[in-house]
C-alpha atoms as a PDB file:
ATOM      1  CA  MET A   1     -31.385 127.919 -30.970  1.00  0.00           C
ATOM      2  CA  LYS A   2     -34.423 128.054 -33.184  1.00  0.00           C
ATOM      3  CA  ALA A   3     -32.339 129.495 -35.942  1.00  0.00           C
ATOM      4  CA  ASP A   4     -30.059 126.808 -35.692  1.00  0.00           C
ATOM      5  CA  LEU A   5     -32.551 124.179 -35.699  1.00  0.00           C
ATOM      6  CA  ALA A   6     -34.014 125.712 -38.973  1.00  0.00           C
ATOM      7  CA  GLN A   7     -30.496 125.288 -40.401  1.00  0.00           C
ATOM      8  CA  VAL A   8     -30.124 121.789 -39.427  1.00  0.00           C
ATOM      9  CA  ALA A   9     -33.561 121.171 -41.030  1.00  0.00           C
ATOM     10  CA  ARG A  10     -32.531 122.837 -44.118  1.00  0.00           C
ATOM     11  CA  GLY A  11     -29.378 121.142 -44.234  1.00  0.00           C
ATOM     12  CA  PHE A  12     -31.185 117.566 -43.797  1.00  0.00           C
ATOM     13  CA  LEU A  13     -33.181 118.298 -46.902  1.00  0.00           C
ATOM     14  CA  MET A  14     -30.009 119.131 -48.760  1.00  0.00           C
ATOM     15  CA  GLY A  15     -28.321 115.858 -47.565  1.00  0.00           C
ATOM     16  CA  GLY A  16     -31.471 113.933 -48.426  1.00  0.00           C
ATOM     17  CA  ALA A  17     -31.361 115.436 -52.003  1.00  0.00           C
ATOM     18  CA  ASP A  18     -27.494 114.680 -52.354  1.00  0.00           C
ATOM     19  CA  ILE A  19     -27.367 111.300 -51.689  1.00  0.00           C
ATOM     20  CA  ILE A  20     -30.027 110.514 -54.661  1.00  0.00           C
ATOM     21  CA  PRO A  21     -28.154 110.708 -57.829  1.00  0.00           C
ATOM     22  CA  GLY A  22     -30.066 113.349 -60.230  1.00  0.00           C
ATOM     23  CA  VAL A  23     -31.093 115.634 -57.590  1.00  0.00           C
ATOM     24  CA  SER A  24     -28.623 118.319 -56.801  1.00  0.00           C
ATOM     25  CA  GLY A  25     -28.195 119.813 -53.219  1.00  0.00           C
ATOM     26  CA  GLY A  26     -27.666 123.008 -54.569  1.00  0.00           C
ATOM     27  CA  THR A  27     -31.133 123.055 -56.072  1.00  0.00           C
ATOM     28  CA  ILE A  28     -32.391 122.435 -52.629  1.00  0.00           C
ATOM     29  CA  ALA A  29     -30.572 125.267 -51.180  1.00  0.00           C
ATOM     30  CA  LEU A  30     -31.775 127.447 -53.816  1.00  0.00           C
ATOM     31  CA  ILE A  31     -35.483 126.562 -53.096  1.00  0.00           C
ATOM     32  CA  LEU A  32     -34.676 127.167 -49.317  1.00  0.00           C
ATOM     33  CA  GLY A  33     -33.138 130.510 -50.165  1.00  0.00           C
ATOM     34  CA  ILE A  34     -29.694 129.848 -48.552  1.00  0.00           C
ATOM     35  CA  TYR A  35     -27.746 129.005 -51.783  1.00  0.00           C
ATOM     36  CA  GLU A  36     -25.935 132.463 -52.025  1.00  0.00           C
ATOM     37  CA  ARG A  37     -25.073 132.585 -48.400  1.00  0.00           C
ATOM     38  CA  LEU A  38     -23.594 129.193 -48.542  1.00  0.00           C
ATOM     39  CA  VAL A  39     -21.533 129.768 -51.607  1.00  0.00           C
ATOM     40  CA  PHE A  40     -20.204 133.135 -50.248  1.00  0.00           C
ATOM     41  CA  ALA A  41     -19.302 131.277 -46.905  1.00  0.00           C
ATOM     42  CA  LEU A  42     -17.396 128.807 -48.666  1.00  0.00           C
ATOM     43  CA  SER A  43     -15.737 131.258 -50.836  1.00  0.00           C
ATOM     44  CA  ARG A  44     -14.582 133.174 -47.431  1.00  0.00           C
ATOM     45  CA  VAL A  45     -12.274 130.148 -46.711  1.00  0.00           C
ATOM     46  CA  ASP A  46      -9.278 132.421 -47.883  1.00  0.00           C
ATOM     47  CA  LEU A  47      -5.987 133.990 -47.054  1.00  0.00           C
ATOM     48  CA  THR A  48      -8.101 136.533 -44.705  1.00  0.00           C
ATOM     49  CA  PHE A  49      -9.577 133.410 -42.935  1.00  0.00           C
ATOM     50  CA  PHE A  50      -6.100 131.558 -42.115  1.00  0.00           C
ATOM     51  CA  GLY A  51      -4.541 135.076 -41.191  1.00  0.00           C
ATOM     52  CA  HIS A  52      -7.120 135.217 -38.392  1.00  0.00           C
ATOM     53  CA  LEU A  53      -6.254 131.812 -37.491  1.00  0.00           C
ATOM     54  CA  ARG A  54      -2.667 132.468 -37.351  1.00  0.00           C
ATOM     55  CA  ARG A  55      -2.892 135.205 -35.076  1.00  0.00           C
ATOM     56  CA  GLY A  56      -5.087 133.433 -32.832  1.00  0.00           C
ATOM     57  CA  GLU A  57      -8.262 135.565 -33.811  1.00  0.00           C
ATOM     58  CA  LEU A  58     -10.681 132.526 -33.532  1.00  0.00           C
ATOM     59  CA  LEU A  59     -13.900 134.518 -33.161  1.00  0.00           C
ATOM     60  CA  ALA A  60     -12.899 136.917 -36.005  1.00  0.00           C
ATOM     61  CA  ALA A  61     -12.260 133.756 -38.203  1.00  0.00           C
ATOM     62  CA  ALA A  62     -15.409 132.219 -37.487  1.00  0.00           C
ATOM     63  CA  ARG A  63     -17.237 135.375 -38.171  1.00  0.00           C
ATOM     64  CA  HIS A  64     -15.414 135.723 -41.688  1.00  0.00           C
ATOM     65  CA  ILE A  65     -16.859 132.156 -42.766  1.00  0.00           C
ATOM     66  CA  ASP A  66     -20.044 132.325 -41.128  1.00  0.00           C
ATOM     67  CA  LEU A  67     -18.907 129.403 -39.222  1.00  0.00           C
ATOM     68  CA  ARG A  68     -22.287 128.817 -37.089  1.00  0.00           C
ATOM     69  CA  PHE A  69     -24.195 128.607 -40.291  1.00  0.00           C
ATOM     70  CA  LEU A  70     -21.803 126.206 -41.993  1.00  0.00           C
ATOM     71  CA  VAL A  71     -21.663 124.171 -38.946  1.00  0.00           C
ATOM     72  CA  THR A  72     -25.484 123.731 -38.449  1.00  0.00           C
ATOM     73  CA  LEU A  73     -26.156 123.337 -41.996  1.00  0.00           C
ATOM     74  CA  GLY A  74     -23.319 120.837 -42.323  1.00  0.00           C
ATOM     75  CA  CYS A  75     -24.782 118.616 -39.372  1.00  0.00           C
ATOM     76  CA  GLY A  76     -27.948 118.501 -41.135  1.00  0.00           C
ATOM     77  CA  VAL A  77     -26.568 117.548 -44.348  1.00  0.00           C
ATOM     78  CA  ALA A  78     -24.633 114.722 -42.708  1.00  0.00           C
ATOM     79  CA  ILE A  79     -27.617 113.342 -40.899  1.00  0.00           C
ATOM     80  CA  GLY A  80     -29.602 113.492 -44.219  1.00  0.00           C
ATOM     81  CA  VAL A  81     -27.005 111.746 -45.984  1.00  0.00           C
ATOM     82  CA  VAL A  82     -26.387 108.946 -43.541  1.00  0.00           C
ATOM     83  CA  SER A  83     -30.117 108.296 -42.891  1.00  0.00           C
ATOM     84  CA  LEU A  84     -30.958 107.568 -46.483  1.00  0.00           C
ATOM     85  CA  ALA A  85     -27.748 105.912 -47.561  1.00  0.00           C
ATOM     86  CA  GLY A  86     -29.020 102.663 -46.403  1.00  0.00           C
ATOM     87  CA  LEU A  87     -32.304 103.012 -48.034  1.00  0.00           C
ATOM     88  CA  MET A  88     -30.558 103.711 -51.528  1.00  0.00           C
ATOM     89  CA  HIS A  89     -28.091 101.009 -50.909  1.00  0.00           C
ATOM     90  CA  TYR A  90     -30.825  98.522 -50.519  1.00  0.00           C
ATOM     91  CA  LEU A  91     -32.658  99.843 -53.403  1.00  0.00           C
ATOM     92  CA  LEU A  92     -29.643  99.377 -55.704  1.00  0.00           C
ATOM     93  CA  GLU A  93     -29.100  95.845 -54.499  1.00  0.00           C
ATOM     94  CA  HIS A  94     -32.608  94.650 -54.707  1.00  0.00           C
ATOM     95  CA  GLN A  95     -34.502  96.676 -56.945  1.00  0.00           C
ATOM     96  CA  ARG A  96     -31.681  97.694 -59.347  1.00  0.00           C
ATOM     97  CA  GLN A  97     -33.632  98.172 -62.645  1.00  0.00           C
ATOM     98  CA  HIS A  98     -36.229 100.254 -61.025  1.00  0.00           C
ATOM     99  CA  THR A  99     -33.710 102.411 -59.231  1.00  0.00           C
ATOM    100  CA  GLN A 100     -31.573 102.995 -62.152  1.00  0.00           C
ATOM    101  CA  ALA A 101     -34.783 103.786 -64.235  1.00  0.00           C
ATOM    102  CA  ALA A 102     -35.462 106.459 -61.553  1.00  0.00           C
ATOM    103  CA  PHE A 103     -31.946 107.637 -61.784  1.00  0.00           C
ATOM    104  CA  PHE A 104     -32.143 107.810 -65.512  1.00  0.00           C
ATOM    105  CA  GLY A 105     -35.229 110.087 -65.397  1.00  0.00           C
ATOM    106  CA  LEU A 106     -33.565 112.453 -62.737  1.00  0.00           C
ATOM    107  CA  ILE A 107     -30.580 112.879 -64.797  1.00  0.00           C
ATOM    108  CA  LEU A 108     -32.202 113.328 -68.086  1.00  0.00           C
ATOM    109  CA  ALA A 109     -34.173 116.226 -66.609  1.00  0.00           C
ATOM    110  CA  SER A 110     -31.236 117.718 -64.819  1.00  0.00           C
ATOM    111  CA  SER A 111     -29.301 117.786 -68.165  1.00  0.00           C
ATOM    112  CA  LEU A 112     -32.333 119.626 -69.469  1.00  0.00           C
ATOM    113  CA  LEU A 113     -31.934 122.268 -66.711  1.00  0.00           C
ATOM    114  CA  VAL A 114     -28.403 122.787 -67.282  1.00  0.00           C
ATOM    115  CA  PHE A 115     -29.070 123.129 -71.014  1.00  0.00           C
ATOM    116  CA  ARG A 116     -31.513 125.697 -70.197  1.00  0.00           C
ATOM    117  CA  MET A 117     -28.517 127.533 -68.224  1.00  0.00           C
ATOM    118  CA  ILE A 118     -26.725 128.308 -71.548  1.00  0.00           C
ATOM    119  CA  PRO A 119     -27.583 131.793 -72.679  1.00  0.00           C
ATOM    120  CA  ARG A 120     -26.762 131.587 -76.290  1.00  0.00           C
ATOM    121  CA  TRP A 121     -25.998 128.783 -78.706  1.00  0.00           C
ATOM    122  CA  SER A 122     -23.283 128.788 -81.259  1.00  0.00           C
ATOM    123  CA  PRO A 123     -21.547 126.172 -83.596  1.00  0.00           C
ATOM    124  CA  ARG A 124     -18.673 126.410 -80.846  1.00  0.00           C
ATOM    125  CA  ILE A 125     -20.822 125.825 -78.048  1.00  0.00           C
ATOM    126  CA  ALA A 126     -22.499 123.113 -79.934  1.00  0.00           C
ATOM    127  CA  VAL A 127     -19.242 121.414 -80.587  1.00  0.00           C
ATOM    128  CA  ALA A 128     -18.363 121.716 -77.012  1.00  0.00           C
ATOM    129  CA  ALA A 129     -21.548 119.919 -75.721  1.00  0.00           C
ATOM    130  CA  VAL A 130     -21.150 117.194 -78.237  1.00  0.00           C
ATOM    131  CA  LEU A 131     -17.401 116.622 -77.275  1.00  0.00           C
ATOM    132  CA  GLY A 132     -18.582 116.454 -73.798  1.00  0.00           C
ATOM    133  CA  ALA A 133     -21.156 114.212 -74.655  1.00  0.00           C
ATOM    134  CA  VAL A 134     -18.982 111.609 -76.553  1.00  0.00           C
ATOM    135  CA  SER A 135     -16.160 111.759 -74.034  1.00  0.00           C
ATOM    136  CA  ALA A 136     -18.577 110.881 -71.231  1.00  0.00           C
ATOM    137  CA  PHE A 137     -20.223 108.065 -73.309  1.00  0.00           C
ATOM    138  CA  ILE A 138     -16.652 106.849 -73.765  1.00  0.00           C
ATOM    139  CA  ILE A 139     -15.407 107.194 -70.231  1.00  0.00           C
ATOM    140  CA  VAL A 140     -18.165 105.487 -68.490  1.00  0.00           C
ATOM    141  CA  GLY A 141     -17.648 102.549 -70.597  1.00  0.00           C
ATOM    142  CA  LEU A 142     -14.038 102.026 -69.364  1.00  0.00           C
ATOM    143  CA  PRO A 143     -12.920  99.073 -67.523  1.00  0.00           C
ATOM    144  CA  LEU A 144     -11.605 101.358 -64.970  1.00  0.00           C
ATOM    145  CA  LEU A 145     -14.839 102.601 -63.910  1.00  0.00           C
ATOM    146  CA  ASN A 146     -16.592  99.327 -64.295  1.00  0.00           C
ATOM    147  CA  SER A 147     -14.158  97.853 -61.813  1.00  0.00           C
ATOM    148  CA  PRO A 148     -12.930 100.839 -60.115  1.00  0.00           C
ATOM    149  CA  PRO A 149      -9.743 100.820 -57.946  1.00  0.00           C
ATOM    150  CA  GLU A 150     -10.283  99.573 -54.374  1.00  0.00           C
ATOM    151  CA  GLY A 151      -7.504 101.944 -52.611  1.00  0.00           C
ATOM    152  CA  ASP A 152      -8.517 104.659 -50.509  1.00  0.00           C
ATOM    153  CA  GLY A 153      -6.736 107.035 -52.965  1.00  0.00           C
ATOM    154  CA  TYR A 154      -9.341 106.649 -55.390  1.00  0.00           C
ATOM    155  CA  VAL A 155     -11.761 107.135 -52.802  1.00  0.00           C
ATOM    156  CA  PHE A 156     -10.355 110.321 -51.887  1.00  0.00           C
ATOM    157  CA  LEU A 157     -10.380 111.512 -55.430  1.00  0.00           C
ATOM    158  CA  SER A 158     -14.073 110.508 -55.730  1.00  0.00           C
ATOM    159  CA  GLY A 159     -15.037 112.672 -52.968  1.00  0.00           C
ATOM    160  CA  ALA A 160     -13.047 115.489 -54.306  1.00  0.00           C
ATOM    161  CA  THR A 161     -14.782 115.332 -57.548  1.00  0.00           C
ATOM    162  CA  CYS A 162     -18.236 114.584 -56.527  1.00  0.00           C
ATOM    163  CA  ILE A 163     -18.278 117.459 -54.149  1.00  0.00           C
ATOM    164  CA  CYS A 164     -17.625 119.977 -56.973  1.00  0.00           C
ATOM    165  CA  ALA A 165     -20.866 119.048 -58.585  1.00  0.00           C
ATOM    166  CA  THR A 166     -22.781 119.168 -55.182  1.00  0.00           C
ATOM    167  CA  ILE A 167     -22.552 122.783 -54.809  1.00  0.00           C
ATOM    168  CA  LEU A 168     -23.894 123.387 -58.470  1.00  0.00           C
ATOM    169  CA  PRO A 169     -27.715 123.622 -58.961  1.00  0.00           C
ATOM    170  CA  GLY A 170     -28.702 120.884 -61.456  1.00  0.00           C
ATOM    171  CA  ILE A 171     -25.836 118.773 -61.159  1.00  0.00           C
ATOM    172  CA  SER A 172     -25.996 115.897 -58.679  1.00  0.00           C
ATOM    173  CA  GLY A 173     -22.686 114.752 -56.857  1.00  0.00           C
ATOM    174  CA  ALA A 174     -24.141 111.536 -56.038  1.00  0.00           C
ATOM    175  CA  TYR A 175     -24.432 110.920 -59.921  1.00  0.00           C
ATOM    176  CA  VAL A 176     -20.601 111.943 -60.246  1.00  0.00           C
ATOM    177  CA  LEU A 177     -20.041 108.818 -57.581  1.00  0.00           C
ATOM    178  CA  VAL A 178     -22.318 106.735 -59.479  1.00  0.00           C
ATOM    179  CA  ILE A 179     -20.103 107.311 -62.710  1.00  0.00           C
ATOM    180  CA  LEU A 180     -16.770 106.870 -60.781  1.00  0.00           C
ATOM    181  CA  GLY A 181     -18.175 103.429 -59.470  1.00  0.00           C
ATOM    182  CA  LYS A 182     -18.298 104.236 -55.775  1.00  0.00           C
ATOM    183  CA  TYR A 183     -21.620 105.120 -55.116  1.00  0.00           C
ATOM    184  CA  HIS A 184     -22.774 101.609 -53.991  1.00  0.00           C
ATOM    185  CA  GLN A 185     -19.509 101.259 -51.907  1.00  0.00           C
ATOM    186  CA  VAL A 186     -19.981 104.540 -49.920  1.00  0.00           C
ATOM    187  CA  THR A 187     -23.636 104.266 -49.196  1.00  0.00           C
ATOM    188  CA  GLY A 188     -23.030 100.542 -48.080  1.00  0.00           C
ATOM    189  CA  LEU A 189     -20.504 101.929 -45.540  1.00  0.00           C
ATOM    190  CA  LEU A 190     -22.748 104.937 -44.431  1.00  0.00           C
ATOM    191  CA  ARG A 191     -25.432 102.252 -43.806  1.00  0.00           C
ATOM    192  CA  GLU A 192     -23.005  99.810 -41.810  1.00  0.00           C
ATOM    193  CA  MET A 193     -21.815 103.143 -39.711  1.00  0.00           C
ATOM    194  CA  LEU A 194     -25.631 103.822 -38.919  1.00  0.00           C
ATOM    195  CA  HIS A 195     -25.984 100.544 -37.695  1.00  0.00           C
ATOM    196  CA  GLY A 196     -22.803 100.470 -35.571  1.00  0.00           C
ATOM    197  CA  ALA A 197     -21.446  97.435 -37.742  1.00  0.00           C
ATOM    198  CA  ILE A 198     -18.636  99.202 -39.751  1.00  0.00           C
ATOM    199  CA  PRO A 199     -15.193  97.678 -39.524  1.00  0.00           C
ATOM    200  CA  LEU A 200     -12.170  99.780 -38.831  1.00  0.00           C
ATOM    201  CA  GLU A 201     -11.101  99.839 -42.317  1.00  0.00           C
ATOM    202  CA  GLY A 202     -14.690 101.044 -43.604  1.00  0.00           C
ATOM    203  CA  LEU A 203     -14.156 103.837 -41.385  1.00  0.00           C
ATOM    204  CA  ALA A 204     -10.725 104.675 -42.845  1.00  0.00           C
ATOM    205  CA  THR A 205     -12.316 104.497 -46.300  1.00  0.00           C
ATOM    206  CA  LEU A 206     -14.881 106.998 -45.288  1.00  0.00           C
ATOM    207  CA  GLY A 207     -12.380 109.057 -43.684  1.00  0.00           C
ATOM    208  CA  ALA A 208     -10.634 109.182 -47.178  1.00  0.00           C
ATOM    209  CA  PHE A 209     -13.876 110.380 -48.696  1.00  0.00           C
ATOM    210  CA  ALA A 210     -14.493 113.014 -46.323  1.00  0.00           C
ATOM    211  CA  LEU A 211     -11.113 114.390 -46.342  1.00  0.00           C
ATOM    212  CA  GLY A 212     -11.465 114.403 -50.309  1.00  0.00           C
ATOM    213  CA  ALA A 213     -14.733 116.220 -49.971  1.00  0.00           C
ATOM    214  CA  ILE A 214     -13.214 118.979 -47.851  1.00  0.00           C
ATOM    215  CA  VAL A 215     -10.216 119.227 -50.202  1.00  0.00           C
ATOM    216  CA  GLY A 216     -12.303 119.528 -53.203  1.00  0.00           C
ATOM    217  CA  LEU A 217     -14.716 122.006 -51.506  1.00  0.00           C
ATOM    218  CA  LEU A 218     -11.941 124.229 -50.686  1.00  0.00           C
ATOM    219  CA  THR A 219      -9.810 123.911 -53.797  1.00  0.00           C
ATOM    220  CA  PHE A 220     -11.584 122.431 -56.865  1.00  0.00           C
ATOM    221  CA  SER A 221     -14.789 124.094 -56.309  1.00  0.00           C
ATOM    222  CA  LYS A 222     -13.124 127.479 -56.611  1.00  0.00           C
ATOM    223  CA  ILE A 223     -11.472 126.283 -59.933  1.00  0.00           C
ATOM    224  CA  LEU A 224     -14.885 125.374 -61.088  1.00  0.00           C
ATOM    225  CA  ARG A 225     -16.477 128.726 -60.034  1.00  0.00           C
ATOM    226  CA  ARG A 226     -13.710 130.656 -61.971  1.00  0.00           C
ATOM    227  CA  LEU A 227     -14.458 128.604 -64.896  1.00  0.00           C
ATOM    228  CA  LEU A 228     -18.038 129.540 -64.696  1.00  0.00           C
ATOM    229  CA  ALA A 229     -17.276 133.146 -64.075  1.00  0.00           C
ATOM    230  CA  ARG A 230     -14.759 133.630 -67.099  1.00  0.00           C
ATOM    231  CA  PHE A 231     -16.131 130.616 -69.567  1.00  0.00           C
ATOM    232  CA  GLU A 232     -19.629 130.214 -68.356  1.00  0.00           C
ATOM    233  CA  THR A 233     -21.205 129.346 -71.770  1.00  0.00           C
ATOM    234  CA  PRO A 234     -18.481 126.674 -73.062  1.00  0.00           C
ATOM    235  CA  THR A 235     -18.270 125.193 -69.407  1.00  0.00           C
ATOM    236  CA  LEU A 236     -22.208 124.639 -69.029  1.00  0.00           C
ATOM    237  CA  ALA A 237     -22.170 123.206 -72.532  1.00  0.00           C
ATOM    238  CA  VAL A 238     -19.469 120.684 -71.694  1.00  0.00           C
ATOM    239  CA  LEU A 239     -21.448 119.832 -68.429  1.00  0.00           C
ATOM    240  CA  CYS A 240     -24.636 119.233 -70.251  1.00  0.00           C
ATOM    241  CA  GLY A 241     -23.074 116.971 -72.767  1.00  0.00           C
ATOM    242  CA  PHE A 242     -21.278 115.274 -70.255  1.00  0.00           C
ATOM    243  CA  MET A 243     -24.531 114.444 -68.397  1.00  0.00           C
ATOM    244  CA  LEU A 244     -26.127 113.188 -71.522  1.00  0.00           C
ATOM    245  CA  GLY A 245     -23.182 111.057 -72.409  1.00  0.00           C
ATOM    246  CA  SER A 246     -22.900 109.539 -69.138  1.00  0.00           C
ATOM    247  CA  LEU A 247     -26.661 108.220 -69.199  1.00  0.00           C
ATOM    248  CA  ARG A 248     -24.882 105.034 -70.489  1.00  0.00           C
ATOM    249  CA  LYS A 249     -23.776 104.407 -67.062  1.00  0.00           C
ATOM    250  CA  ILE A 250     -27.243 104.119 -65.534  1.00  0.00           C
ATOM    251  CA  TRP A 251     -29.277 102.594 -68.414  1.00  0.00           C
ATOM    252  CA  PRO A 252     -31.702 100.632 -66.424  1.00  0.00           C
ATOM    253  CA  PHE A 253     -32.137  97.574 -68.915  1.00  0.00           C
ATOM    254  CA  LYS A 254     -29.132  95.563 -68.386  1.00  0.00           C
ATOM    255  CA  VAL A 255     -27.768  91.784 -68.691  1.00  0.00           C
ATOM    256  CA  ASP A 256     -25.892  90.215 -65.819  1.00  0.00           C
ATOM    257  CA  LEU A 257     -22.837  88.863 -67.368  1.00  0.00           C
ATOM    258  CA  ASN A 258     -21.564  87.119 -64.366  1.00  0.00           C
ATOM    259  CA  PRO A 259     -24.958  86.049 -62.281  1.00  0.00           C
ATOM    260  CA  ASP A 260     -22.752  83.737 -60.016  1.00  0.00           C
ATOM    261  CA  VAL A 261     -21.353  86.760 -58.425  1.00  0.00           C
ATOM    262  CA  ALA A 262     -23.211  87.911 -55.350  1.00  0.00           C
ATOM    263  CA  GLU A 263     -21.726  91.459 -54.857  1.00  0.00           C
ATOM    264  CA  LEU A 264     -23.339  93.954 -56.859  1.00  0.00           C
ATOM    265  CA  LYS A 265     -20.037  95.961 -57.204  1.00  0.00           C
ATOM    266  CA  LEU A 266     -18.262  92.960 -58.658  1.00  0.00           C
ATOM    267  CA  LYS A 267     -20.840  92.128 -61.303  1.00  0.00           C
ATOM    268  CA  GLN A 268     -20.501  93.071 -64.928  1.00  0.00           C
ATOM    269  CA  PHE A 269     -23.519  94.151 -66.916  1.00  0.00           C
ATOM    270  CA  ARG A 270     -24.342  94.885 -70.880  1.00  0.00           C
ATOM    271  CA  ASN A 271     -26.830  97.307 -71.965  1.00  0.00           C
ATOM    272  CA  VAL A 272     -29.707  96.225 -73.932  1.00  0.00           C
ATOM    273  CA  TRP A 273     -32.847  97.156 -75.278  1.00  0.00           C
ATOM    274  CA  PRO A 274     -35.868  95.487 -73.575  1.00  0.00           C
ATOM    275  CA  GLU A 275     -37.338  92.872 -75.939  1.00  0.00           C
ATOM    276  CA  THR A 276     -40.998  93.000 -74.780  1.00  0.00           C
ATOM    277  CA  LEU A 277     -43.026  95.643 -72.772  1.00  0.00           C
ATOM    278  CA  ASP A 278     -43.688  93.491 -69.744  1.00  0.00           C
ATOM    279  CA  SER A 279     -45.005  94.763 -66.291  1.00  0.00           C
ATOM    280  CA  THR A 280     -41.310  95.215 -65.121  1.00  0.00           C
ATOM    281  CA  VAL A 281     -40.455  97.342 -67.962  1.00  0.00           C
ATOM    282  CA  LEU A 282     -43.475  99.526 -68.008  1.00  0.00           C
ATOM    283  CA  LEU A 283     -43.033 100.143 -64.197  1.00  0.00           C
ATOM    284  CA  SER A 284     -39.261 101.098 -65.047  1.00  0.00           C
ATOM    285  CA  LEU A 285     -40.500 103.503 -67.727  1.00  0.00           C
ATOM    286  CA  LEU A 286     -43.247 104.936 -65.300  1.00  0.00           C
ATOM    287  CA  LEU A 287     -40.554 105.488 -62.707  1.00  0.00           C
ATOM    288  CA  ALA A 288     -38.431 107.419 -65.153  1.00  0.00           C
ATOM    289  CA  ALA A 289     -41.013 109.611 -66.186  1.00  0.00           C
ATOM    290  CA  ALA A 290     -41.972 110.407 -62.633  1.00  0.00           C
ATOM    291  CA  ALA A 291     -38.392 111.453 -61.764  1.00  0.00           C
ATOM    292  CA  PHE A 292     -38.219 113.553 -64.867  1.00  0.00           C
ATOM    293  CA  ALA A 293     -41.234 115.316 -63.774  1.00  0.00           C
ATOM    294  CA  PHE A 294     -39.932 115.465 -60.322  1.00  0.00           C
ATOM    295  CA  VAL A 295     -36.971 117.511 -61.109  1.00  0.00           C
ATOM    296  CA  LEU A 296     -38.773 119.779 -63.366  1.00  0.00           C
ATOM    297  CA  LEU A 297     -41.295 120.439 -60.688  1.00  0.00           C
ATOM    298  CA  LEU A 298     -38.281 121.126 -58.171  1.00  0.00           C
ATOM    299  CA  ASN A 299     -36.821 123.782 -60.809  1.00  0.00           C
ATOM    300  CA  TRP A 300     -40.221 125.574 -60.971  1.00  0.00           C
ATOM    301  CA  ALA A 301     -40.161 125.685 -57.414  1.00  0.00           C
ATOM    302  CA  THR A 302     -37.039 127.891 -57.672  1.00  0.00           C
ATOM    303  CA  ASN A 303     -38.811 130.270 -60.241  1.00  0.00           C
ATOM    304  CA  GLY A 304     -36.040 129.528 -62.830  1.00  0.00           C
ATOM    305  CA  HIS A 305     -33.228 130.502 -60.435  1.00  0.00           C
ATOM    306  CA  THR A 306     -31.252 127.517 -61.587  1.00  0.00           C
ATOM    307  CA  ALA A 307     -30.818 129.392 -64.794  1.00  0.00           C
ATOM    308  CA  LYS A 308     -28.409 131.681 -63.362  1.00  0.00           C
ATOM    309  CA  PRO A 309     -26.030 130.343 -60.524  1.00  0.00           C
ATOM    310  CA  GLN A 310     -24.107 133.302 -59.147  1.00  0.00           C
ATOM    311  CA  LEU A 311     -20.724 131.763 -58.450  1.00  0.00           C
ATOM    312  CA  GLY A 312     -18.246 133.765 -60.163  1.00  0.00           C
ATOM    313  CA  GLY A 313     -18.741 137.090 -58.321  1.00  0.00           C
ATOM    314  CA  GLU A 314     -18.104 135.718 -54.955  1.00  0.00           C
ATOM    315  CA  VAL A 315     -14.553 134.272 -55.806  1.00  0.00           C
ATOM    316  CA  ALA A 316     -13.670 137.685 -57.308  1.00  0.00           C
ATOM    317  CA  GLU A 317     -14.626 139.645 -54.210  1.00  0.00           C
ATOM    318  CA  THR A 318     -12.906 137.082 -51.756  1.00  0.00           C
ATOM    319  CA  GLU A 319      -9.780 136.753 -53.508  1.00  0.00           C
END
């Protein structure tokens, strides 16, 4: 029981990080010393595991994927995500500029960490990074992401996509959710669920998101790990460029184009440069700098382990 509670506590710290765009739950797992065990356990959801289930060998199946570890850690992650979702939702609604400034600093520092993961640079790798940055800059400005679809199908896709980034050190799954335009909606639903005031359709949306996350974790994450195993350098270069280009999405200094709309998710904003360095702008810059330093301190706490995420080997061994 003591070991289980310790795993729940570790999961809570990971979940608290996962809900903040720019802080990777994978980085927290590295700091806590459970990253390789987590990736290995997830990789064990394979044909052998399903064979145990088919034959009714439930105990063998549970041991094969380290189920007790995954369940206790998952409970902690869920508690961390739900408990902090309301705070993040409130900050986005009432302190948008300062919150996005902090997000900007977090993502900028995270992109630096991914840059440092790249073992060697060449013209080909540089081109891959530039293409990733340009593509992201264009994509995040598309009307689709400024006014994303409301259907649960898109929520499912968002959950499947963001979970792949969550397991990678230095890359934030919550930030991917911001890019896809669903972060505000999901955190709002989690806040309503915590208060017991969520409507039935909201539960259906969260269910679609959770189902997408499970599918992404068991399928797309393996594809991503395979890419890192076989094409590590170009994949990291594209990811680094994508993170830099997508900073356009959370530029903290914006002009509200339709101030009469009350809902943040329905508003349209235009990025601008601040005309004067007033106290509000200076506070935003200070928050961005503090967030930037925070991520670098997290990386220092891992003793540079984020430079070599061991993802590919486990896939090869378990498949």
